[in-house]
Amino acid sequence: MAIQLFYQSGGRPSGPVDSKELRRLAEAGIVTPNTLVRKGASGRWVRAENVRGLFQRSTPAPSLSLGASTPVPQSGELVKEEGEKWSFKNGEKEFGPYDIEGLRDAAEKRWMDVNTLIRQEPDGEWISALTTGLIPTSLLRRNTPGTPWSAKHLLLGFLGLFLIAFAGAVARDLTRSFLRDGHSPPGVRQILKHAIERTAVRSSALRSVGYDQEQQVLEIEFTNGAVYQYFDVPVEVYRGLMAAESHGRYFNQAVRNAGYRYQRMN
């Protein structure tokens, strides 16, 4: 029975192919020395340069033979060389280089997940971390997609939360102080405490007039239904308005044109 071989293409396993087809792919440049290949569905991934007879090399390093007598290793790890470095990528962001232990440590810290790609430096192909055997699959599946958070990032995050909480507490204290008697604008206190009773008047412009002498707030209801409050209005102005022969004319001259602060209530 012909040997079934698989190779990595675009981060995914391709195959099966036999040894002749694998050599043809190598001659065509589709399989390069850095491409990962394995024998059978459960063999370990090794770089194609370590496959005996696939590429011309002065000192062969037999890790995977195309002969039928070679046993299929059951280890879940790639062949490792002293000093080799790896990088990983989440989306468009690359991190590294790391040695094998550093790569696994990154996975332990949840910096890697099932969507992470890894490659051997300096110019290896990007392949899925799930298919290399370098990182335990169970570890990758428990992680959620994301970007590494350093101690600096965590510190800045906690500092930001503290500042938000502090600003909220200060804002609440200022609001309470602002609303105390003697500190808040009269119009605000009127809205919070009580409504001003108004008296109906005969006018083509005004429907009713009210006044709070303690707060010095003049409240006007116009014939179109709009209600306004005018602040810091002396009681003499209110009395003059109520006694005026023309309420509308007096209002325009003594209130509207006088520049009192006001706000609409509806």
C-alpha atoms as a PDB file:
ATOM      1  CA  MET A   1       0.000   0.000   0.000  1.00  0.00           C
ATOM      2  CA  ALA A   2       1.373   3.450  -0.980  1.00  0.00           C
ATOM      3  CA  ILE A   3       2.455   5.766   1.809  1.00  0.00           C
ATOM      4  CA  GLN A   4       0.016   8.617   2.475  1.00  0.00           C
ATOM      5  CA  LEU A   5       1.706  11.937   3.060  1.00  0.00           C
ATOM      6  CA  PHE A   6       0.255  15.312   4.041  1.00  0.00           C
ATOM      7  CA  TYR A   7       1.733  18.810   3.784  1.00  0.00           C
ATOM      8  CA  GLN A   8       0.804  22.267   5.098  1.00  0.00           C
ATOM      9  CA  SER A   9      -0.517  24.756   2.546  1.00  0.00           C
ATOM     10  CA  GLY A  10      -1.867  28.147   3.617  1.00  0.00           C
ATOM     11  CA  GLY A  11      -1.963  27.037   7.250  1.00  0.00           C
ATOM     12  CA  ARG A  12      -4.090  23.950   6.482  1.00  0.00           C
ATOM     13  CA  PRO A  13      -3.180  20.305   5.862  1.00  0.00           C
ATOM     14  CA  SER A  14      -3.305  19.188   2.208  1.00  0.00           C
ATOM     15  CA  GLY A  15      -3.219  15.646   0.871  1.00  0.00           C
ATOM     16  CA  PRO A  16      -2.924  12.759   0.965  1.00  0.00           C
ATOM     17  CA  VAL A  17      -0.214  12.413  -1.686  1.00  0.00           C
ATOM     18  CA  ASP A  18       2.301   9.664  -2.345  1.00  0.00           C
ATOM     19  CA  SER A  19       6.082  10.091  -2.281  1.00  0.00           C
ATOM     20  CA  LYS A  20       6.317  10.703  -6.039  1.00  0.00           C
ATOM     21  CA  GLU A  21       3.698  13.460  -5.891  1.00  0.00           C
ATOM     22  CA  LEU A  22       5.459  15.055  -2.897  1.00  0.00           C
ATOM     23  CA  ARG A  23       8.741  15.128  -4.887  1.00  0.00           C
ATOM     24  CA  ARG A  24       6.895  16.681  -7.836  1.00  0.00           C
ATOM     25  CA  LEU A  25       5.455  19.365  -5.546  1.00  0.00           C
ATOM     26  CA  ALA A  26       8.955  20.046  -4.185  1.00  0.00           C
ATOM     27  CA  GLU A  27      10.397  20.371  -7.708  1.00  0.00           C
ATOM     28  CA  ALA A  28       7.563  22.766  -8.572  1.00  0.00           C
ATOM     29  CA  GLY A  29       8.332  24.914  -5.534  1.00  0.00           C
ATOM     30  CA  ILE A  30       4.943  24.290  -3.923  1.00  0.00           C
ATOM     31  CA  VAL A  31       6.601  22.356  -1.109  1.00  0.00           C
ATOM     32  CA  THR A  32       9.629  24.247   0.225  1.00  0.00           C
ATOM     33  CA  PRO A  33      12.250  23.186   2.800  1.00  0.00           C
ATOM     34  CA  ASN A  34      10.238  25.048   5.481  1.00  0.00           C
ATOM     35  CA  THR A  35       6.912  23.418   4.588  1.00  0.00           C
ATOM     36  CA  LEU A  36       5.599  21.072   7.278  1.00  0.00           C
ATOM     37  CA  VAL A  37       4.892  17.488   6.193  1.00  0.00           C
ATOM     38  CA  ARG A  38       3.817  14.333   7.990  1.00  0.00           C
ATOM     39  CA  LYS A  39       3.253  10.658   7.287  1.00  0.00           C
ATOM     40  CA  GLY A  40      -0.308   9.428   7.742  1.00  0.00           C
ATOM     41  CA  ALA A  41      -3.164  11.089   9.566  1.00  0.00           C
ATOM     42  CA  SER A  42      -1.522  10.787  12.996  1.00  0.00           C
ATOM     43  CA  GLY A  43       2.166  11.366  12.257  1.00  0.00           C
ATOM     44  CA  ARG A  44       4.097  14.302  13.611  1.00  0.00           C
ATOM     45  CA  TRP A  45       4.751  17.393  11.517  1.00  0.00           C
ATOM     46  CA  VAL A  46       8.366  17.931  10.428  1.00  0.00           C
ATOM     47  CA  ARG A  47       9.953  20.404   8.081  1.00  0.00           C
ATOM     48  CA  ALA A  48      10.241  19.146   4.531  1.00  0.00           C
ATOM     49  CA  GLU A  49      14.006  19.735   4.546  1.00  0.00           C
ATOM     50  CA  ASN A  50      14.264  16.862   7.027  1.00  0.00           C
ATOM     51  CA  VAL A  51      12.514  14.411   4.698  1.00  0.00           C
ATOM     52  CA  ARG A  52      15.138  12.039   3.317  1.00  0.00           C
ATOM     53  CA  GLY A  53      15.603  12.313  -0.437  1.00  0.00           C
ATOM     54  CA  LEU A  54      13.124  15.159  -0.966  1.00  0.00           C
ATOM     55  CA  PHE A  55      15.738  17.915  -1.382  1.00  0.00           C
ATOM     56  CA  GLN A  56      19.415  17.808  -2.323  1.00  0.00           C
ATOM     57  CA  ARG A  57      21.536  18.450   0.764  1.00  0.00           C
ATOM     58  CA  SER A  58      25.135  17.787   1.662  1.00  0.00           C
ATOM     59  CA  THR A  59      24.430  16.392   5.136  1.00  0.00           C
ATOM     60  CA  PRO A  60      21.065  14.627   5.312  1.00  0.00           C
ATOM     61  CA  ALA A  61      19.193  14.781   8.602  1.00  0.00           C
ATOM     62  CA  PRO A  62      16.717  11.914   8.388  1.00  0.00           C
ATOM     63  CA  SER A  63      13.644  12.723  10.446  1.00  0.00           C
ATOM     64  CA  LEU A  64      10.997  11.286   8.155  1.00  0.00           C
ATOM     65  CA  SER A  65      11.660   8.655   5.518  1.00  0.00           C
ATOM     66  CA  LEU A  66       9.493   8.006   2.499  1.00  0.00           C
ATOM     67  CA  GLY A  67      10.164   4.313   2.884  1.00  0.00           C
ATOM     68  CA  ALA A  68       7.462   2.021   4.236  1.00  0.00           C
ATOM     69  CA  SER A  69       9.676   0.593   6.963  1.00  0.00           C
ATOM     70  CA  THR A  70      10.026   3.831   8.938  1.00  0.00           C
ATOM     71  CA  PRO A  71       7.727   3.841  12.010  1.00  0.00           C
ATOM     72  CA  VAL A  72       5.281   6.730  12.396  1.00  0.00           C
ATOM     73  CA  PRO A  73       6.204   8.764  15.505  1.00  0.00           C
ATOM     74  CA  GLN A  74       3.348   9.391  17.885  1.00  0.00           C
ATOM     75  CA  SER A  75       4.850  12.439  19.585  1.00  0.00           C
ATOM     76  CA  GLY A  76       2.854  15.638  19.360  1.00  0.00           C
ATOM     77  CA  GLU A  77       5.925  17.842  18.874  1.00  0.00           C
ATOM     78  CA  LEU A  78       7.860  19.113  15.881  1.00  0.00           C
ATOM     79  CA  VAL A  79      11.516  18.268  15.529  1.00  0.00           C
ATOM     80  CA  LYS A  80      13.335  20.994  17.482  1.00  0.00           C
ATOM     81  CA  GLU A  81      16.781  22.360  16.833  1.00  0.00           C
ATOM     82  CA  GLU A  82      18.953  24.213  19.312  1.00  0.00           C
ATOM     83  CA  GLY A  83      18.366  27.946  19.188  1.00  0.00           C
ATOM     84  CA  GLU A  84      15.380  27.941  16.821  1.00  0.00           C
ATOM     85  CA  LYS A  85      12.964  30.865  17.208  1.00  0.00           C
ATOM     86  CA  TRP A  86       9.258  31.184  16.580  1.00  0.00           C
ATOM     87  CA  SER A  87       6.767  34.019  16.200  1.00  0.00           C
ATOM     88  CA  PHE A  88       2.994  34.043  16.423  1.00  0.00           C
ATOM     89  CA  LYS A  89       0.317  36.270  14.926  1.00  0.00           C
ATOM     90  CA  ASN A  90      -3.161  37.313  16.087  1.00  0.00           C
ATOM     91  CA  GLY A  91      -4.899  38.984  13.181  1.00  0.00           C
ATOM     92  CA  GLU A  92      -2.410  41.476  11.740  1.00  0.00           C
ATOM     93  CA  LYS A  93      -0.296  41.808  14.901  1.00  0.00           C
ATOM     94  CA  GLU A  94       2.895  39.747  15.159  1.00  0.00           C
ATOM     95  CA  PHE A  95       4.705  38.853  18.386  1.00  0.00           C
ATOM     96  CA  GLY A  96       8.105  37.273  18.958  1.00  0.00           C
ATOM     97  CA  PRO A  97      10.540  35.836  18.476  1.00  0.00           C
ATOM     98  CA  TYR A  98      10.276  33.129  21.177  1.00  0.00           C
ATOM     99  CA  ASP A  99      11.941  29.805  21.771  1.00  0.00           C
ATOM    100  CA  ILE A 100       9.704  26.746  22.133  1.00  0.00           C
ATOM    101  CA  GLU A 101       9.286  27.229  25.883  1.00  0.00           C
ATOM    102  CA  GLY A 102       8.499  30.913  25.417  1.00  0.00           C
ATOM    103  CA  LEU A 103       5.894  30.038  22.819  1.00  0.00           C
ATOM    104  CA  ARG A 104       4.178  27.634  25.197  1.00  0.00           C
ATOM    105  CA  ASP A 105       4.406  30.193  27.985  1.00  0.00           C
ATOM    106  CA  ALA A 106       2.590  32.700  25.737  1.00  0.00           C
ATOM    107  CA  ALA A 107      -0.184  30.148  25.262  1.00  0.00           C
ATOM    108  CA  GLU A 108      -0.355  29.566  29.021  1.00  0.00           C
ATOM    109  CA  LYS A 109      -0.853  33.315  29.508  1.00  0.00           C
ATOM    110  CA  ARG A 110      -3.808  33.166  27.080  1.00  0.00           C
ATOM    111  CA  TRP A 111      -2.003  35.224  24.461  1.00  0.00           C
ATOM    112  CA  MET A 112      -2.773  32.563  21.854  1.00  0.00           C
ATOM    113  CA  ASP A 113      -5.998  30.882  20.758  1.00  0.00           C
ATOM    114  CA  VAL A 114      -7.412  28.636  18.053  1.00  0.00           C
ATOM    115  CA  ASN A 115      -7.085  31.415  15.448  1.00  0.00           C
ATOM    116  CA  THR A 116      -3.396  32.076  16.146  1.00  0.00           C
ATOM    117  CA  LEU A 117      -0.823  31.448  13.402  1.00  0.00           C
ATOM    118  CA  ILE A 118       2.821  30.609  14.117  1.00  0.00           C
ATOM    119  CA  ARG A 119       5.965  30.367  12.026  1.00  0.00           C
ATOM    120  CA  GLN A 120       9.638  29.579  12.434  1.00  0.00           C
ATOM    121  CA  GLU A 121      11.952  32.555  12.108  1.00  0.00           C
ATOM    122  CA  PRO A 122      13.261  34.086   9.984  1.00  0.00           C
ATOM    123  CA  ASP A 123      11.141  33.233   6.936  1.00  0.00           C
ATOM    124  CA  GLY A 124       8.971  30.220   7.715  1.00  0.00           C
ATOM    125  CA  GLU A 125       5.396  29.943   6.462  1.00  0.00           C
ATOM    126  CA  TRP A 126       2.525  31.002   8.725  1.00  0.00           C
ATOM    127  CA  ILE A 127       0.600  27.921   9.852  1.00  0.00           C
ATOM    128  CA  SER A 128      -2.216  27.292  12.295  1.00  0.00           C
ATOM    129  CA  ALA A 129      -1.056  26.764  15.879  1.00  0.00           C
ATOM    130  CA  LEU A 130      -3.628  23.952  16.111  1.00  0.00           C
ATOM    131  CA  THR A 131      -1.893  21.777  13.522  1.00  0.00           C
ATOM    132  CA  THR A 132       1.754  22.089  14.526  1.00  0.00           C
ATOM    133  CA  GLY A 133       1.693  20.113  17.756  1.00  0.00           C
ATOM    134  CA  LEU A 134       3.843  22.766  19.429  1.00  0.00           C
ATOM    135  CA  ILE A 135       0.985  23.959  21.637  1.00  0.00           C
ATOM    136  CA  PRO A 136      -1.473  21.540  23.282  1.00  0.00           C
ATOM    137  CA  THR A 137      -4.812  21.773  21.474  1.00  0.00           C
ATOM    138  CA  SER A 138      -6.722  21.801  24.763  1.00  0.00           C
ATOM    139  CA  LEU A 139      -4.776  24.880  25.868  1.00  0.00           C
ATOM    140  CA  LEU A 140      -5.556  26.786  22.669  1.00  0.00           C
ATOM    141  CA  ARG A 141      -9.243  25.918  22.786  1.00  0.00           C
ATOM    142  CA  ARG A 142      -9.673  27.228  26.338  1.00  0.00           C
ATOM    143  CA  ASN A 143      -8.316  30.629  25.377  1.00  0.00           C
ATOM    144  CA  THR A 144     -10.429  33.405  23.913  1.00  0.00           C
ATOM    145  CA  PRO A 145      -9.177  35.436  20.934  1.00  0.00           C
ATOM    146  CA  GLY A 146      -7.220  38.491  21.981  1.00  0.00           C
ATOM    147  CA  THR A 147      -3.955  40.390  22.147  1.00  0.00           C
ATOM    148  CA  PRO A 148      -1.236  39.936  24.784  1.00  0.00           C
ATOM    149  CA  TRP A 149      -1.656  42.135  27.841  1.00  0.00           C
ATOM    150  CA  SER A 150       1.555  43.037  29.564  1.00  0.00           C
ATOM    151  CA  ALA A 151       1.855  44.090  33.204  1.00  0.00           C
ATOM    152  CA  LYS A 152       2.034  47.673  31.951  1.00  0.00           C
ATOM    153  CA  HIS A 153      -1.297  47.309  30.145  1.00  0.00           C
ATOM    154  CA  LEU A 154      -2.936  45.827  33.232  1.00  0.00           C
ATOM    155  CA  LEU A 155      -1.589  48.617  35.435  1.00  0.00           C
ATOM    156  CA  LEU A 156      -2.885  51.262  33.041  1.00  0.00           C
ATOM    157  CA  GLY A 157      -6.256  49.523  32.937  1.00  0.00           C
ATOM    158  CA  PHE A 158      -6.596  49.507  36.723  1.00  0.00           C
ATOM    159  CA  LEU A 159      -5.443  53.127  36.864  1.00  0.00           C
ATOM    160  CA  GLY A 160      -8.082  54.102  34.318  1.00  0.00           C
ATOM    161  CA  LEU A 161     -10.835  52.370  36.306  1.00  0.00           C
ATOM    162  CA  PHE A 162      -9.671  54.119  39.481  1.00  0.00           C
ATOM    163  CA  LEU A 163      -9.723  57.536  37.799  1.00  0.00           C
ATOM    164  CA  ILE A 164     -13.224  56.920  36.428  1.00  0.00           C
ATOM    165  CA  ALA A 165     -14.501  55.920  39.869  1.00  0.00           C
ATOM    166  CA  PHE A 166     -12.774  58.912  41.472  1.00  0.00           C
ATOM    167  CA  ALA A 167     -14.217  61.340  38.912  1.00  0.00           C
ATOM    168  CA  GLY A 168     -17.689  59.898  39.486  1.00  0.00           C
ATOM    169  CA  ALA A 169     -17.400  60.377  43.253  1.00  0.00           C
ATOM    170  CA  VAL A 170     -16.204  63.977  42.815  1.00  0.00           C
ATOM    171  CA  ALA A 171     -19.042  64.705  40.394  1.00  0.00           C
ATOM    172  CA  ARG A 172     -21.617  63.346  42.856  1.00  0.00           C
ATOM    173  CA  ASP A 173     -20.203  65.486  45.694  1.00  0.00           C
ATOM    174  CA  LEU A 174     -20.179  68.605  43.530  1.00  0.00           C
ATOM    175  CA  THR A 175     -23.756  67.963  42.426  1.00  0.00           C
ATOM    176  CA  ARG A 176     -24.930  67.582  46.015  1.00  0.00           C
ATOM    177  CA  SER A 177     -23.135  70.770  47.013  1.00  0.00           C
ATOM    178  CA  PHE A 178     -24.525  72.596  44.006  1.00  0.00           C
ATOM    179  CA  LEU A 179     -28.064  71.658  44.950  1.00  0.00           C
ATOM    180  CA  ARG A 180     -27.833  72.815  48.559  1.00  0.00           C
ATOM    181  CA  ASP A 181     -29.733  75.983  49.528  1.00  0.00           C
ATOM    182  CA  GLY A 182     -27.688  79.061  48.805  1.00  0.00           C
ATOM    183  CA  HIS A 183     -25.531  77.373  46.167  1.00  0.00           C
ATOM    184  CA  SER A 184     -27.814  76.247  43.389  1.00  0.00           C
ATOM    185  CA  PRO A 185     -29.467  78.557  40.851  1.00  0.00           C
ATOM    186  CA  PRO A 186     -32.979  79.624  41.956  1.00  0.00           C
ATOM    187  CA  GLY A 187     -34.600  78.033  38.922  1.00  0.00           C
ATOM    188  CA  VAL A 188     -33.092  74.656  39.754  1.00  0.00           C
ATOM    189  CA  ARG A 189     -34.312  74.811  43.341  1.00  0.00           C
ATOM    190  CA  GLN A 190     -37.807  75.709  42.158  1.00  0.00           C
ATOM    191  CA  ILE A 191     -37.982  72.674  39.925  1.00  0.00           C
ATOM    192  CA  LEU A 192     -36.774  70.411  42.702  1.00  0.00           C
ATOM    193  CA  LYS A 193     -38.814  71.858  45.565  1.00  0.00           C
ATOM    194  CA  HIS A 194     -42.197  73.059  44.370  1.00  0.00           C
ATOM    195  CA  ALA A 195     -44.186  74.519  41.515  1.00  0.00           C
ATOM    196  CA  ILE A 196     -44.997  78.235  41.442  1.00  0.00           C
ATOM    197  CA  GLU A 197     -48.651  79.124  41.611  1.00  0.00           C
ATOM    198  CA  ARG A 198     -49.701  81.410  38.767  1.00  0.00           C
ATOM    199  CA  THR A 199     -52.539  83.924  38.478  1.00  0.00           C
ATOM    200  CA  ALA A 200     -54.502  84.314  35.228  1.00  0.00           C
ATOM    201  CA  VAL A 201     -54.204  87.719  33.539  1.00  0.00           C
ATOM    202  CA  ARG A 202     -56.042  89.487  30.721  1.00  0.00           C
ATOM    203  CA  SER A 203     -53.492  89.772  27.917  1.00  0.00           C
ATOM    204  CA  SER A 204     -53.122  88.855  24.279  1.00  0.00           C
ATOM    205  CA  ALA A 205     -49.594  87.586  24.999  1.00  0.00           C
ATOM    206  CA  LEU A 206     -49.631  86.274  28.581  1.00  0.00           C
ATOM    207  CA  ARG A 207     -52.021  83.702  30.046  1.00  0.00           C
ATOM    208  CA  SER A 208     -50.861  83.556  33.685  1.00  0.00           C
ATOM    209  CA  VAL A 209     -48.111  84.939  35.943  1.00  0.00           C
ATOM    210  CA  GLY A 210     -46.519  83.500  39.087  1.00  0.00           C
ATOM    211  CA  TYR A 211     -43.779  84.678  41.429  1.00  0.00           C
ATOM    212  CA  ASP A 212     -41.682  83.150  44.218  1.00  0.00           C
ATOM    213  CA  GLN A 213     -40.452  85.998  46.400  1.00  0.00           C
ATOM    214  CA  GLU A 214     -37.968  83.879  48.368  1.00  0.00           C
ATOM    215  CA  GLN A 215     -36.278  82.604  45.213  1.00  0.00           C
ATOM    216  CA  GLN A 216     -36.987  85.744  43.151  1.00  0.00           C
ATOM    217  CA  VAL A 217     -38.285  83.640  40.292  1.00  0.00           C
ATOM    218  CA  LEU A 218     -40.907  85.024  37.912  1.00  0.00           C
ATOM    219  CA  GLU A 219     -42.877  82.373  36.024  1.00  0.00           C
ATOM    220  CA  ILE A 220     -44.785  83.314  32.867  1.00  0.00           C
ATOM    221  CA  GLU A 221     -47.241  81.184  30.920  1.00  0.00           C
ATOM    222  CA  PHE A 222     -47.730  82.512  27.410  1.00  0.00           C
ATOM    223  CA  THR A 223     -50.892  82.169  25.352  1.00  0.00           C
ATOM    224  CA  ASN A 224     -49.220  79.554  23.134  1.00  0.00           C
ATOM    225  CA  GLY A 225     -48.813  77.278  26.178  1.00  0.00           C
ATOM    226  CA  ALA A 226     -45.059  77.801  26.706  1.00  0.00           C
ATOM    227  CA  VAL A 227     -43.953  78.315  30.331  1.00  0.00           C
ATOM    228  CA  TYR A 228     -40.748  80.202  31.196  1.00  0.00           C
ATOM    229  CA  GLN A 229     -39.006  81.041  34.458  1.00  0.00           C
ATOM    230  CA  TYR A 230     -36.965  84.257  34.845  1.00  0.00           C
ATOM    231  CA  PHE A 231     -34.380  84.383  37.644  1.00  0.00           C
ATOM    232  CA  ASP A 232     -33.304  87.133  40.070  1.00  0.00           C
ATOM    233  CA  VAL A 233     -36.320  89.263  39.234  1.00  0.00           C
ATOM    234  CA  PRO A 234     -37.033  91.862  41.992  1.00  0.00           C
ATOM    235  CA  VAL A 235     -40.469  91.783  43.585  1.00  0.00           C
ATOM    236  CA  GLU A 236     -41.079  95.339  42.380  1.00  0.00           C
ATOM    237  CA  VAL A 237     -40.926  94.141  38.777  1.00  0.00           C
ATOM    238  CA  TYR A 238     -43.494  91.431  39.517  1.00  0.00           C
ATOM    239  CA  ARG A 239     -45.823  93.938  41.228  1.00  0.00           C
ATOM    240  CA  GLY A 240     -45.438  96.373  38.354  1.00  0.00           C
ATOM    241  CA  LEU A 241     -46.283  93.596  35.876  1.00  0.00           C
ATOM    242  CA  MET A 242     -49.454  92.621  37.720  1.00  0.00           C
ATOM    243  CA  ALA A 243     -50.564  96.283  38.072  1.00  0.00           C
ATOM    244  CA  ALA A 244     -49.748  97.294  34.511  1.00  0.00           C
ATOM    245  CA  GLU A 245     -52.507  98.352  32.159  1.00  0.00           C
ATOM    246  CA  SER A 246     -50.878  96.243  29.400  1.00  0.00           C
ATOM    247  CA  HIS A 247     -49.220  93.126  30.831  1.00  0.00           C
ATOM    248  CA  GLY A 248     -47.619  92.229  27.519  1.00  0.00           C
ATOM    249  CA  ARG A 249     -46.038  95.640  26.972  1.00  0.00           C
ATOM    250  CA  TYR A 250     -44.738  95.817  30.537  1.00  0.00           C
ATOM    251  CA  PHE A 251     -43.289  92.284  30.254  1.00  0.00           C
ATOM    252  CA  ASN A 252     -41.397  93.194  27.079  1.00  0.00           C
ATOM    253  CA  GLN A 253     -39.970  96.384  28.595  1.00  0.00           C
ATOM    254  CA  ALA A 254     -39.235  95.309  32.185  1.00  0.00           C
ATOM    255  CA  VAL A 255     -38.450  91.583  31.853  1.00  0.00           C
ATOM    256  CA  ARG A 256     -37.623  90.379  28.363  1.00  0.00           C
ATOM    257  CA  ASN A 257     -35.527  93.398  27.394  1.00  0.00           C
ATOM    258  CA  ALA A 258     -33.891  93.595  30.856  1.00  0.00           C
ATOM    259  CA  GLY A 259     -31.754  90.515  30.190  1.00  0.00           C
ATOM    260  CA  TYR A 260     -32.788  88.276  33.088  1.00  0.00           C
ATOM    261  CA  ARG A 261     -31.615  84.666  32.956  1.00  0.00           C
ATOM    262  CA  TYR A 262     -34.404  82.309  32.000  1.00  0.00           C
ATOM    263  CA  GLN A 263     -35.256  78.739  31.081  1.00  0.00           C
ATOM    264  CA  ARG A 264     -38.185  77.048  29.416  1.00  0.00           C
ATOM    265  CA  MET A 265     -40.116  74.657  31.645  1.00  0.00           C
ATOM    266  CA  ASN A 266     -41.998  72.584  29.051  1.00  0.00           C
END
